[in-house]
Structures are given as C-alpha cells and as structure tokens.
C-alpha cells in the first residue's frame, strides 16, 4: 500500500476522523486499520473514474462490515505513475443503486 501513495503532500479522511495530512500520518493510520483484528473486509463497487492529463479521481461505494461508504480516491500522475494523493470515505445515507448518475445542473470551481 505504501507504494500506491505519493511521497509528499498527501491527505486522508477516514469516516469519523479528522483530516490526516502528510505521508507518515496517512500510512500509520492505514497500518493501524489493517492490523486491527476487528477490521472487516473492504469491498469496492460501483466505481466511476474521471481522468485528465495530470490527475484522476475514482469514486466508489465501499462496504465494510455491512456499512456503506462513499469513497473518493484522487491520484496525481507523477513520474509516469499514478500516485494516490487523497482518500476520503464518508457514510452513505442513500441507496447507491437508486442515486442519480446524471451530471449536476451546475458545477462550482
């Protein structure tokens, strides 16, 4: 998992956690989660990918111990490899199979 993350300027928001900034904090958080014997298997589904010349975003529903999360994974193209720079997962409060996949009427940038 360490090879997936960029070397610097990374961040992560686990469900219910404050933002973690920096490689050390993010890597330690994942190590602790994966070493926890109570941690359920994380299954991803309904992936949606948006790719540009310099970055990519992967959105998916994650199921962990029966709970549904909406996850965002943001990658940057660094030295010809996609490196993860941000992960965020939040509880999903709507049925993902019924959610609209259409584009929003307006976007803010």
PDB file of N, CA and C in Angstrom:
ATOM      1  N   UNK A   1       0.817  -1.192   0.000  1.00  0.00           N
ATOM      2  CA  UNK A   1       0.000   0.000   0.000  1.00  0.00           C
ATOM      3  C   UNK A   1       0.861   1.257   0.000  1.00  0.00           C
ATOM      4  N   UNK A   2       2.030   1.195   0.617  1.00  0.00           N
ATOM      5  CA  UNK A   2       2.886   2.383   0.695  1.00  0.00           C
ATOM      6  C   UNK A   2       3.297   2.867  -0.689  1.00  0.00           C
ATOM      7  N   UNK A   3       3.494   1.951  -1.626  1.00  0.00           N
ATOM      8  CA  UNK A   3       3.905   2.337  -2.974  1.00  0.00           C
ATOM      9  C   UNK A   3       2.798   3.044  -3.748  1.00  0.00           C
ATOM     10  N   UNK A   4       1.565   2.853  -3.345  1.00  0.00           N
ATOM     11  CA  UNK A   4       0.442   3.483  -4.027  1.00  0.00           C
ATOM     12  C   UNK A   4       0.387   4.987  -3.765  1.00  0.00           C
ATOM     13  N   UNK A   5       0.819   5.400  -2.574  1.00  0.00           N
ATOM     14  CA  UNK A   5       0.727   6.804  -2.168  1.00  0.00           C
ATOM     15  C   UNK A   5       1.890   7.633  -2.715  1.00  0.00           C
ATOM     16  N   UNK A   6       1.605   8.894  -2.986  1.00  0.00           N
ATOM     17  CA  UNK A   6       2.652   9.841  -3.388  1.00  0.00           C
ATOM     18  C   UNK A   6       3.617  10.035  -2.217  1.00  0.00           C
ATOM     19  N   UNK A   7       4.786  10.550  -2.514  1.00  0.00           N
ATOM     20  CA  UNK A   7       5.821  10.720  -1.486  1.00  0.00           C
ATOM     21  C   UNK A   7       5.513  11.868  -0.526  1.00  0.00           C
ATOM     22  N   UNK A   8       4.812  12.884  -1.007  1.00  0.00           N
ATOM     23  CA  UNK A   8       4.531  14.032  -0.139  1.00  0.00           C
ATOM     24  C   UNK A   8       3.221  14.682  -0.529  1.00  0.00           C
ATOM     25  N   UNK A   9       2.793  15.626   0.299  1.00  0.00           N
ATOM     26  CA  UNK A   9       1.558  16.389   0.072  1.00  0.00           C
ATOM     27  C   UNK A   9       0.341  15.483  -0.105  1.00  0.00           C
ATOM     28  N   UNK A  10       0.168  14.527   0.815  1.00  0.00           N
ATOM     29  CA  UNK A  10      -0.990  13.645   0.747  1.00  0.00           C
ATOM     30  C   UNK A  10      -1.898  13.894   1.944  1.00  0.00           C
ATOM     31  N   UNK A  11      -3.152  13.441   1.792  1.00  0.00           N
ATOM     32  CA  UNK A  11      -4.126  13.618   2.865  1.00  0.00           C
ATOM     33  C   UNK A  11      -5.143  12.486   2.826  1.00  0.00           C
ATOM     34  N   UNK A  12      -5.839  12.329   3.950  1.00  0.00           N
ATOM     35  CA  UNK A  12      -6.819  11.260   4.064  1.00  0.00           C
ATOM     36  C   UNK A  12      -7.850  11.634   5.116  1.00  0.00           C
ATOM     37  N   UNK A  13      -9.110  11.291   4.845  1.00  0.00           N
ATOM     38  CA  UNK A  13     -10.173  11.457   5.833  1.00  0.00           C
ATOM     39  C   UNK A  13     -10.906  10.123   5.935  1.00  0.00           C
ATOM     40  N   UNK A  14     -10.641   9.390   7.014  1.00  0.00           N
ATOM     41  CA  UNK A  14     -11.376   8.163   7.296  1.00  0.00           C
ATOM     42  C   UNK A  14     -12.718   8.554   7.913  1.00  0.00           C
ATOM     43  N   UNK A  15     -13.746   7.714   7.779  1.00  0.00           N
ATOM     44  CA  UNK A  15     -15.054   8.050   8.355  1.00  0.00           C
ATOM     45  C   UNK A  15     -14.959   8.362   9.855  1.00  0.00           C
ATOM     46  N   UNK A  16     -15.438   9.538  10.222  1.00  0.00           N
ATOM     47  CA  UNK A  16     -15.443   9.943  11.618  1.00  0.00           C
ATOM     48  C   UNK A  16     -14.122  10.481  12.143  1.00  0.00           C
ATOM     49  N   UNK A  17     -13.109  10.542  11.304  1.00  0.00           N
ATOM     50  CA  UNK A  17     -11.784  11.026  11.722  1.00  0.00           C
ATOM     51  C   UNK A  17     -11.580  12.459  11.232  1.00  0.00           C
ATOM     52  N   UNK A  18     -10.686  13.195  11.880  1.00  0.00           N
ATOM     53  CA  UNK A  18     -10.263  14.482  11.322  1.00  0.00           C
ATOM     54  C   UNK A  18      -9.324  14.225  10.143  1.00  0.00           C
ATOM     55  N   UNK A  19      -9.067  15.257   9.389  1.00  0.00           N
ATOM     56  CA  UNK A  19      -8.170  15.110   8.241  1.00  0.00           C
ATOM     57  C   UNK A  19      -6.762  14.751   8.717  1.00  0.00           C
ATOM     58  N   UNK A  20      -6.153  13.815   8.015  1.00  0.00           N
ATOM     59  CA  UNK A  20      -4.753  13.453   8.244  1.00  0.00           C
ATOM     60  C   UNK A  20      -3.951  14.036   7.093  1.00  0.00           C
ATOM     61  N   UNK A  21      -2.890  14.747   7.403  1.00  0.00           N
ATOM     62  CA  UNK A  21      -2.060  15.368   6.377  1.00  0.00           C
ATOM     63  C   UNK A  21      -0.629  14.894   6.562  1.00  0.00           C
ATOM     64  N   UNK A  22      -0.024  14.499   5.459  1.00  0.00           N
ATOM     65  CA  UNK A  22       1.361  14.045   5.489  1.00  0.00           C
ATOM     66  C   UNK A  22       1.458  12.532   5.383  1.00  0.00           C
ATOM     67  N   UNK A  23       2.503  12.095   4.713  1.00  0.00           N
ATOM     68  CA  UNK A  23       2.685  10.671   4.436  1.00  0.00           C
ATOM     69  C   UNK A  23       2.728   9.828   5.708  1.00  0.00           C
ATOM     70  N   UNK A  24       3.461  10.266   6.693  1.00  0.00           N
ATOM     71  CA  UNK A  24       3.603   9.472   7.917  1.00  0.00           C
ATOM     72  C   UNK A  24       2.255   9.242   8.586  1.00  0.00           C
ATOM     73  N   UNK A  25       1.472  10.301   8.765  1.00  0.00           N
ATOM     74  CA  UNK A  25       0.169  10.178   9.426  1.00  0.00           C
ATOM     75  C   UNK A  25      -0.771   9.265   8.647  1.00  0.00           C
ATOM     76  N   UNK A  26      -0.777   9.394   7.328  1.00  0.00           N
ATOM     77  CA  UNK A  26      -1.668   8.586   6.497  1.00  0.00           C
ATOM     78  C   UNK A  26      -1.256   7.117   6.529  1.00  0.00           C
ATOM     79  N   UNK A  27       0.017   6.845   6.336  1.00  0.00           N
ATOM     80  CA  UNK A  27       0.498   5.457   6.311  1.00  0.00           C
ATOM     81  C   UNK A  27       0.268   4.781   7.662  1.00  0.00           C
ATOM     82  N   UNK A  28       0.555   5.482   8.750  1.00  0.00           N
ATOM     83  CA  UNK A  28       0.334   4.911  10.089  1.00  0.00           C
ATOM     84  C   UNK A  28      -1.148   4.606  10.299  1.00  0.00           C
ATOM     85  N   UNK A  29      -2.033   5.480   9.830  1.00  0.00           N
ATOM     86  CA  UNK A  29      -3.472   5.242  10.006  1.00  0.00           C
ATOM     87  C   UNK A  29      -3.905   3.964   9.295  1.00  0.00           C
ATOM     88  N   UNK A  30      -3.434   3.769   8.064  1.00  0.00           N
ATOM     89  CA  UNK A  30      -3.788   2.549   7.334  1.00  0.00           C
ATOM     90  C   UNK A  30      -3.181   1.316   7.986  1.00  0.00           C
ATOM     91  N   UNK A  31      -1.956   1.426   8.450  1.00  0.00           N
ATOM     92  CA  UNK A  31      -1.329   0.295   9.135  1.00  0.00           C
ATOM     93  C   UNK A  31      -2.170  -0.111  10.339  1.00  0.00           C
ATOM     94  N   UNK A  32      -2.572   0.867  11.132  1.00  0.00           N
ATOM     95  CA  UNK A  32      -3.366   0.580  12.322  1.00  0.00           C
ATOM     96  C   UNK A  32      -4.726  -0.022  11.967  1.00  0.00           C
ATOM     97  N   UNK A  33      -5.356   0.488  10.925  1.00  0.00           N
ATOM     98  CA  UNK A  33      -6.652  -0.050  10.493  1.00  0.00           C
ATOM     99  C   UNK A  33      -6.498  -1.498  10.039  1.00  0.00           C
ATOM    100  N   UNK A  34      -5.513  -1.769   9.190  1.00  0.00           N
ATOM    101  CA  UNK A  34      -5.361  -3.116   8.641  1.00  0.00           C
ATOM    102  C   UNK A  34      -4.853  -4.122   9.667  1.00  0.00           C
ATOM    103  N   UNK A  35      -4.160  -3.666  10.699  1.00  0.00           N
ATOM    104  CA  UNK A  35      -3.690  -4.569  11.752  1.00  0.00           C
ATOM    105  C   UNK A  35      -4.760  -4.839  12.812  1.00  0.00           C
ATOM    106  N   UNK A  36      -5.849  -4.099  12.775  1.00  0.00           N
ATOM    107  CA  UNK A  36      -6.930  -4.278  13.739  1.00  0.00           C
ATOM    108  C   UNK A  36      -7.681  -5.576  13.426  1.00  0.00           C
ATOM    109  N   UNK A  37      -7.676  -6.546  14.340  1.00  0.00           N
ATOM    110  CA  UNK A  37      -8.357  -7.816  14.069  1.00  0.00           C
ATOM    111  C   UNK A  37      -9.872  -7.662  13.923  1.00  0.00           C
ATOM    112  N   UNK A  38     -10.435  -6.561  14.390  1.00  0.00           N
ATOM    113  CA  UNK A  38     -11.871  -6.300  14.269  1.00  0.00           C
ATOM    114  C   UNK A  38     -12.246  -5.719  12.896  1.00  0.00           C
ATOM    115  N   UNK A  39     -11.242  -5.307  12.120  1.00  0.00           N
ATOM    116  CA  UNK A  39     -11.489  -4.660  10.824  1.00  0.00           C
ATOM    117  C   UNK A  39     -12.074  -5.663   9.838  1.00  0.00           C
ATOM    118  N   UNK A  40     -13.216  -5.317   9.273  1.00  0.00           N
ATOM    119  CA  UNK A  40     -13.831  -6.164   8.263  1.00  0.00           C
ATOM    120  C   UNK A  40     -13.165  -5.976   6.908  1.00  0.00           C
ATOM    121  N   UNK A  41     -13.515  -6.853   5.992  1.00  0.00           N
ATOM    122  CA  UNK A  41     -13.014  -6.756   4.616  1.00  0.00           C
ATOM    123  C   UNK A  41     -13.651  -5.537   3.955  1.00  0.00           C
ATOM    124  N   UNK A  42     -12.858  -4.813   3.190  1.00  0.00           N
ATOM    125  CA  UNK A  42     -13.344  -3.640   2.461  1.00  0.00           C
ATOM    126  C   UNK A  42     -13.581  -4.056   1.015  1.00  0.00           C
ATOM    127  N   UNK A  43     -14.840  -3.963   0.587  1.00  0.00           N
ATOM    128  CA  UNK A  43     -15.188  -4.312  -0.790  1.00  0.00           C
ATOM    129  C   UNK A  43     -15.625  -3.051  -1.528  1.00  0.00           C
ATOM    130  N   UNK A  44     -15.049  -2.841  -2.703  1.00  0.00           N
ATOM    131  CA  UNK A  44     -15.393  -1.670  -3.521  1.00  0.00           C
ATOM    132  C   UNK A  44     -16.291  -2.103  -4.673  1.00  0.00           C
ATOM    133  N   UNK A  45     -17.248  -1.238  -5.002  1.00  0.00           N
ATOM    134  CA  UNK A  45     -18.127  -1.499  -6.148  1.00  0.00           C
ATOM    135  C   UNK A  45     -18.642  -0.166  -6.690  1.00  0.00           C
ATOM    136  N   UNK A  46     -19.298  -0.246  -7.825  1.00  0.00           N
ATOM    137  CA  UNK A  46     -19.855   0.930  -8.496  1.00  0.00           C
ATOM    138  C   UNK A  46     -18.794   1.997  -8.719  1.00  0.00           C
ATOM    139  N   UNK A  47     -17.652   1.576  -9.230  1.00  0.00           N
ATOM    140  CA  UNK A  47     -16.555   2.503  -9.471  1.00  0.00           C
ATOM    141  C   UNK A  47     -16.882   3.450 -10.621  1.00  0.00           C
ATOM    142  N   UNK A  48     -16.460   4.668 -10.468  1.00  0.00           N
ATOM    143  CA  UNK A  48     -16.576   5.675 -11.534  1.00  0.00           C
ATOM    144  C   UNK A  48     -15.250   6.409 -11.586  1.00  0.00           C
ATOM    145  N   UNK A  49     -14.696   6.553 -12.777  1.00  0.00           N
ATOM    146  CA  UNK A  49     -13.356   7.119 -12.936  1.00  0.00           C
ATOM    147  C   UNK A  49     -13.420   8.356 -13.825  1.00  0.00           C
ATOM    148  N   UNK A  50     -12.756   9.409 -13.383  1.00  0.00           N
ATOM    149  CA  UNK A  50     -12.583  10.624 -14.180  1.00  0.00           C
ATOM    150  C   UNK A  50     -11.084  10.847 -14.332  1.00  0.00           C
ATOM    151  N   UNK A  51     -10.622  10.950 -15.572  1.00  0.00           N
ATOM    152  CA  UNK A  51      -9.185  11.072 -15.829  1.00  0.00           C
ATOM    153  C   UNK A  51      -8.909  12.321 -16.652  1.00  0.00           C
ATOM    154  N   UNK A  52      -7.870  13.052 -16.261  1.00  0.00           N
ATOM    155  CA  UNK A  52      -7.372  14.175 -17.055  1.00  0.00           C
ATOM    156  C   UNK A  52      -5.897  13.919 -17.342  1.00  0.00           C
ATOM    157  N   UNK A  53      -5.238  14.890 -17.918  1.00  0.00           N
ATOM    158  CA  UNK A  53      -3.819  14.724 -18.258  1.00  0.00           C
ATOM    159  C   UNK A  53      -2.926  14.643 -17.024  1.00  0.00           C
ATOM    160  N   UNK A  54      -3.357  15.233 -15.915  1.00  0.00           N
ATOM    161  CA  UNK A  54      -2.478  15.286 -14.737  1.00  0.00           C
ATOM    162  C   UNK A  54      -3.034  14.615 -13.486  1.00  0.00           C
ATOM    163  N   UNK A  55      -4.350  14.353 -13.478  1.00  0.00           N
ATOM    164  CA  UNK A  55      -4.902  13.692 -12.301  1.00  0.00           C
ATOM    165  C   UNK A  55      -6.066  12.787 -12.674  1.00  0.00           C
ATOM    166  N   UNK A  56      -6.453  11.973 -11.716  1.00  0.00           N
ATOM    167  CA  UNK A  56      -7.585  11.068 -11.900  1.00  0.00           C
ATOM    168  C   UNK A  56      -8.307  10.937 -10.573  1.00  0.00           C
ATOM    169  N   UNK A  57      -9.613  10.773 -10.666  1.00  0.00           N
ATOM    170  CA  UNK A  57     -10.413  10.557  -9.462  1.00  0.00           C
ATOM    171  C   UNK A  57     -11.214   9.280  -9.635  1.00  0.00           C
ATOM    172  N   UNK A  58     -11.228   8.491  -8.590  1.00  0.00           N
ATOM    173  CA  UNK A  58     -12.001   7.257  -8.584  1.00  0.00           C
ATOM    174  C   UNK A  58     -13.010   7.366  -7.447  1.00  0.00           C
ATOM    175  N   UNK A  59     -14.279   7.266  -7.795  1.00  0.00           N
ATOM    176  CA  UNK A  59     -15.363   7.293  -6.819  1.00  0.00           C
ATOM    177  C   UNK A  59     -15.926   5.884  -6.742  1.00  0.00           C
ATOM    178  N   UNK A  60     -16.232   5.422  -5.558  1.00  0.00           N
ATOM    179  CA  UNK A  60     -16.815   4.092  -5.434  1.00  0.00           C
ATOM    180  C   UNK A  60     -17.579   3.983  -4.126  1.00  0.00           C
ATOM    181  N   UNK A  61     -18.409   2.958  -4.076  1.00  0.00           N
ATOM    182  CA  UNK A  61     -19.072   2.591  -2.834  1.00  0.00           C
ATOM    183  C   UNK A  61     -18.203   1.528  -2.185  1.00  0.00           C
ATOM    184  N   UNK A  62     -17.867   1.735  -0.927  1.00  0.00           N
ATOM    185  CA  UNK A  62     -17.120   0.738  -0.163  1.00  0.00           C
ATOM    186  C   UNK A  62     -18.071   0.121   0.857  1.00  0.00           C
ATOM    187  N   UNK A  63     -18.009  -1.203   0.968  1.00  0.00           N
ATOM    188  CA  UNK A  63     -18.768  -1.876   2.015  1.00  0.00           C
ATOM    189  C   UNK A  63     -17.783  -2.429   3.024  1.00  0.00           C
ATOM    190  N   UNK A  64     -17.983  -2.059   4.281  1.00  0.00           N
ATOM    191  CA  UNK A  64     -17.119  -2.506   5.372  1.00  0.00           C
ATOM    192  C   UNK A  64     -18.024  -2.999   6.499  1.00  0.00           C
ATOM    193  N   UNK A  65     -17.974  -4.278   6.759  1.00  0.00           N
ATOM    194  CA  UNK A  65     -18.781  -4.874   7.842  1.00  0.00           C
ATOM    195  C   UNK A  65     -20.255  -4.495   7.733  1.00  0.00           C
ATOM    196  N   UNK A  66     -20.790  -4.481   6.513  1.00  0.00           N
ATOM    197  CA  UNK A  66     -22.194  -4.175   6.288  1.00  0.00           C
ATOM    198  C   UNK A  66     -22.514  -2.701   6.146  1.00  0.00           C
ATOM    199  N   UNK A  67     -21.591  -1.824   6.501  1.00  0.00           N
ATOM    200  CA  UNK A  67     -21.806  -0.378   6.362  1.00  0.00           C
ATOM    201  C   UNK A  67     -21.372   0.070   4.972  1.00  0.00           C
ATOM    202  N   UNK A  68     -22.144   0.978   4.384  1.00  0.00           N
ATOM    203  CA  UNK A  68     -21.801   1.520   3.073  1.00  0.00           C
ATOM    204  C   UNK A  68     -21.152   2.887   3.229  1.00  0.00           C
ATOM    205  N   UNK A  69     -20.058   3.071   2.493  1.00  0.00           N
ATOM    206  CA  UNK A  69     -19.328   4.337   2.490  1.00  0.00           C
ATOM    207  C   UNK A  69     -19.196   4.819   1.055  1.00  0.00           C
ATOM    208  N   UNK A  70     -19.205   6.125   0.858  1.00  0.00           N
ATOM    209  CA  UNK A  70     -18.892   6.707  -0.442  1.00  0.00           C
ATOM    210  C   UNK A  70     -17.454   7.162  -0.366  1.00  0.00           C
ATOM    211  N   UNK A  71     -16.626   6.637  -1.256  1.00  0.00           N
ATOM    212  CA  UNK A  71     -15.194   6.931  -1.197  1.00  0.00           C
ATOM    213  C   UNK A  71     -14.741   7.687  -2.434  1.00  0.00           C
ATOM    214  N   UNK A  72     -13.795   8.571  -2.215  1.00  0.00           N
ATOM    215  CA  UNK A  72     -13.118   9.293  -3.280  1.00  0.00           C
ATOM    216  C   UNK A  72     -11.631   9.032  -3.147  1.00  0.00           C
ATOM    217  N   UNK A  73     -11.012   8.662  -4.255  1.00  0.00           N
ATOM    218  CA  UNK A  73      -9.563   8.472  -4.309  1.00  0.00           C
ATOM    219  C   UNK A  73      -9.037   9.373  -5.413  1.00  0.00           C
ATOM    220  N   UNK A  74      -8.126  10.259  -5.064  1.00  0.00           N
ATOM    221  CA  UNK A  74      -7.599  11.244  -6.010  1.00  0.00           C
ATOM    222  C   UNK A  74      -6.141  10.902  -6.272  1.00  0.00           C
ATOM    223  N   UNK A  75      -5.822  10.733  -7.538  1.00  0.00           N
ATOM    224  CA  UNK A  75      -4.480  10.352  -7.959  1.00  0.00           C
ATOM    225  C   UNK A  75      -3.846  11.482  -8.758  1.00  0.00           C
ATOM    226  N   UNK A  76      -2.536  11.597  -8.668  1.00  0.00           N
ATOM    227  CA  UNK A  76      -1.764  12.537  -9.485  1.00  0.00           C
ATOM    228  C   UNK A  76      -0.773  11.728 -10.306  1.00  0.00           C
ATOM    229  N   UNK A  77      -0.564  12.150 -11.533  1.00  0.00           N
ATOM    230  CA  UNK A  77       0.419  11.497 -12.394  1.00  0.00           C
ATOM    231  C   UNK A  77       1.790  12.052 -12.031  1.00  0.00           C
ATOM    232  N   UNK A  78       2.633  11.200 -11.461  1.00  0.00           N
ATOM    233  CA  UNK A  78       3.963  11.602 -11.006  1.00  0.00           C
ATOM    234  C   UNK A  78       4.992  10.627 -11.557  1.00  0.00           C
ATOM    235  N   UNK A  79       5.922  11.136 -12.328  1.00  0.00           N
ATOM    236  CA  UNK A  79       6.976  10.313 -12.923  1.00  0.00           C
ATOM    237  C   UNK A  79       6.387   9.111 -13.664  1.00  0.00           C
ATOM    238  N   UNK A  80       5.366   9.380 -14.464  1.00  0.00           N
ATOM    239  CA  UNK A  80       4.692   8.388 -15.307  1.00  0.00           C
ATOM    240  C   UNK A  80       3.940   7.310 -14.529  1.00  0.00           C
ATOM    241  N   UNK A  81       3.659   7.554 -13.246  1.00  0.00           N
ATOM    242  CA  UNK A  81       2.890   6.593 -12.445  1.00  0.00           C
ATOM    243  C   UNK A  81       1.768   7.330 -11.713  1.00  0.00           C
ATOM    244  N   UNK A  82       0.630   6.679 -11.599  1.00  0.00           N
ATOM    245  CA  UNK A  82      -0.469   7.248 -10.840  1.00  0.00           C
ATOM    246  C   UNK A  82      -0.211   7.013  -9.363  1.00  0.00           C
ATOM    247  N   UNK A  83      -0.181   8.103  -8.589  1.00  0.00           N
ATOM    248  CA  UNK A  83       0.061   8.035  -7.152  1.00  0.00           C
ATOM    249  C   UNK A  83      -1.130   8.644  -6.415  1.00  0.00           C
ATOM    250  N   UNK A  84      -1.557   7.982  -5.377  1.00  0.00           N
ATOM    251  CA  UNK A  84      -2.682   8.451  -4.580  1.00  0.00           C
ATOM    252  C   UNK A  84      -2.260   9.665  -3.752  1.00  0.00           C
ATOM    253  N   UNK A  85      -3.043  10.743  -3.845  1.00  0.00           N
ATOM    254  CA  UNK A  85      -2.730  11.945  -3.070  1.00  0.00           C
ATOM    255  C   UNK A  85      -3.811  12.265  -2.038  1.00  0.00           C
ATOM    256  N   UNK A  86      -5.009  11.701  -2.216  1.00  0.00           N
ATOM    257  CA  UNK A  86      -6.068  11.937  -1.235  1.00  0.00           C
ATOM    258  C   UNK A  86      -7.077  10.796  -1.278  1.00  0.00           C
ATOM    259  N   UNK A  87      -7.482  10.355  -0.094  1.00  0.00           N
ATOM    260  CA  UNK A  87      -8.575   9.384   0.049  1.00  0.00           C
ATOM    261  C   UNK A  87      -9.542   9.945   1.065  1.00  0.00           C
ATOM    262  N   UNK A  88     -10.823   9.814   0.769  1.00  0.00           N
ATOM    263  CA  UNK A  88     -11.839  10.224   1.730  1.00  0.00           C
ATOM    264  C   UNK A  88     -13.008   9.265   1.624  1.00  0.00           C
ATOM    265  N   UNK A  89     -13.525   8.832   2.763  1.00  0.00           N
ATOM    266  CA  UNK A  89     -14.703   7.969   2.792  1.00  0.00           C
ATOM    267  C   UNK A  89     -15.667   8.501   3.839  1.00  0.00           C
ATOM    268  N   UNK A  90     -16.947   8.516   3.479  1.00  0.00           N
ATOM    269  CA  UNK A  90     -17.986   9.025   4.372  1.00  0.00           C
ATOM    270  C   UNK A  90     -19.171   8.071   4.341  1.00  0.00           C
ATOM    271  N   UNK A  91     -19.918   7.988   5.433  1.00  0.00           N
ATOM    272  CA  UNK A  91     -21.096   7.120   5.445  1.00  0.00           C
ATOM    273  C   UNK A  91     -22.063   7.497   4.324  1.00  0.00           C
ATOM    274  N   UNK A  92     -22.607   6.493   3.691  1.00  0.00           N
ATOM    275  CA  UNK A  92     -23.564   6.689   2.605  1.00  0.00           C
ATOM    276  C   UNK A  92     -24.964   6.580   3.195  1.00  0.00           C
ATOM    277  N   UNK A  93     -25.763   7.620   3.046  1.00  0.00           N
ATOM    278  CA  UNK A  93     -27.090   7.636   3.657  1.00  0.00           C
ATOM    279  C   UNK A  93     -28.218   7.432   2.648  1.00  0.00           C
ATOM    280  N   UNK A  94     -27.869   7.258   1.379  1.00  0.00           N
ATOM    281  CA  UNK A  94     -28.866   6.952   0.353  1.00  0.00           C
ATOM    282  C   UNK A  94     -28.493   5.628  -0.287  1.00  0.00           C
ATOM    283  N   UNK A  95     -29.471   4.972  -0.869  1.00  0.00           N
ATOM    284  CA  UNK A  95     -29.228   3.717  -1.568  1.00  0.00           C
ATOM    285  C   UNK A  95     -28.453   4.024  -2.844  1.00  0.00           C
ATOM    286  N   UNK A  96     -27.210   3.527  -2.979  1.00  0.00           N
ATOM    287  CA  UNK A  96     -26.398   3.870  -4.148  1.00  0.00           C
ATOM    288  C   UNK A  96     -26.981   3.360  -5.456  1.00  0.00           C
ATOM    289  N   UNK A  97     -27.797   2.323  -5.411  1.00  0.00           N
ATOM    290  CA  UNK A  97     -28.392   1.804  -6.646  1.00  0.00           C
ATOM    291  C   UNK A  97     -29.504   2.709  -7.146  1.00  0.00           C
ATOM    292  N   UNK A  98     -30.019   3.581  -6.287  1.00  0.00           N
ATOM    293  CA  UNK A  98     -31.095   4.486  -6.683  1.00  0.00           C
ATOM    294  C   UNK A  98     -30.608   5.905  -6.921  1.00  0.00           C
ATOM    295  N   UNK A  99     -29.352   6.166  -6.608  1.00  0.00           N
ATOM    296  CA  UNK A  99     -28.801   7.515  -6.782  1.00  0.00           C
ATOM    297  C   UNK A  99     -28.673   7.830  -8.260  1.00  0.00           C
ATOM    298  N   UNK A 100     -28.887   9.061  -8.605  1.00  0.00           N
ATOM    299  CA  UNK A 100     -28.780   9.501  -9.989  1.00  0.00           C
ATOM    300  C   UNK A 100     -27.328   9.537 -10.428  1.00  0.00           C
ATOM    301  N   UNK A 101     -27.073   9.066 -11.631  1.00  0.00           N
ATOM    302  CA  UNK A 101     -25.718   9.150 -12.174  1.00  0.00           C
ATOM    303  C   UNK A 101     -25.599  10.286 -13.179  1.00  0.00           C
ATOM    304  N   UNK A 102     -26.657  11.095 -13.297  1.00  0.00           N
ATOM    305  CA  UNK A 102     -26.607  12.208 -14.235  1.00  0.00           C
ATOM    306  C   UNK A 102     -25.742  13.325 -13.681  1.00  0.00           C
ATOM    307  N   UNK A 103     -25.312  14.180 -14.587  1.00  0.00           N
ATOM    308  CA  UNK A 103     -24.472  15.305 -14.193  1.00  0.00           C
ATOM    309  C   UNK A 103     -25.313  16.350 -13.466  1.00  0.00           C
ATOM    310  N   UNK A 104     -24.713  17.060 -12.512  1.00  0.00           N
ATOM    311  CA  UNK A 104     -25.455  18.122 -11.826  1.00  0.00           C
ATOM    312  C   UNK A 104     -25.770  19.261 -12.784  1.00  0.00           C
ATOM    313  N   UNK A 105     -26.789  20.049 -12.441  1.00  0.00           N
ATOM    314  CA  UNK A 105     -27.196  21.163 -13.294  1.00  0.00           C
ATOM    315  C   UNK A 105     -26.113  22.225 -13.387  1.00  0.00           C
ATOM    316  N   UNK A 106     -25.336  22.388 -12.349  1.00  0.00           N
ATOM    317  CA  UNK A 106     -24.270  23.390 -12.349  1.00  0.00           C
ATOM    318  C   UNK A 106     -23.112  22.857 -11.527  1.00  0.00           C
ATOM    319  N   UNK A 107     -21.937  23.361 -11.823  1.00  0.00           N
ATOM    320  CA  UNK A 107     -20.784  22.973 -11.011  1.00  0.00           C
ATOM    321  C   UNK A 107     -20.054  24.231 -10.576  1.00  0.00           C
ATOM    322  N   UNK A 108     -19.399  24.140  -9.451  1.00  0.00           N
ATOM    323  CA  UNK A 108     -18.679  25.271  -8.898  1.00  0.00           C
ATOM    324  C   UNK A 108     -17.203  24.944  -8.877  1.00  0.00           C
ATOM    325  N   UNK A 109     -16.384  25.882  -9.325  1.00  0.00           N
ATOM    326  CA  UNK A 109     -14.930  25.663  -9.342  1.00  0.00           C
ATOM    327  C   UNK A 109     -14.236  26.867  -8.772  1.00  0.00           C
TER     328      UNK A 109
END
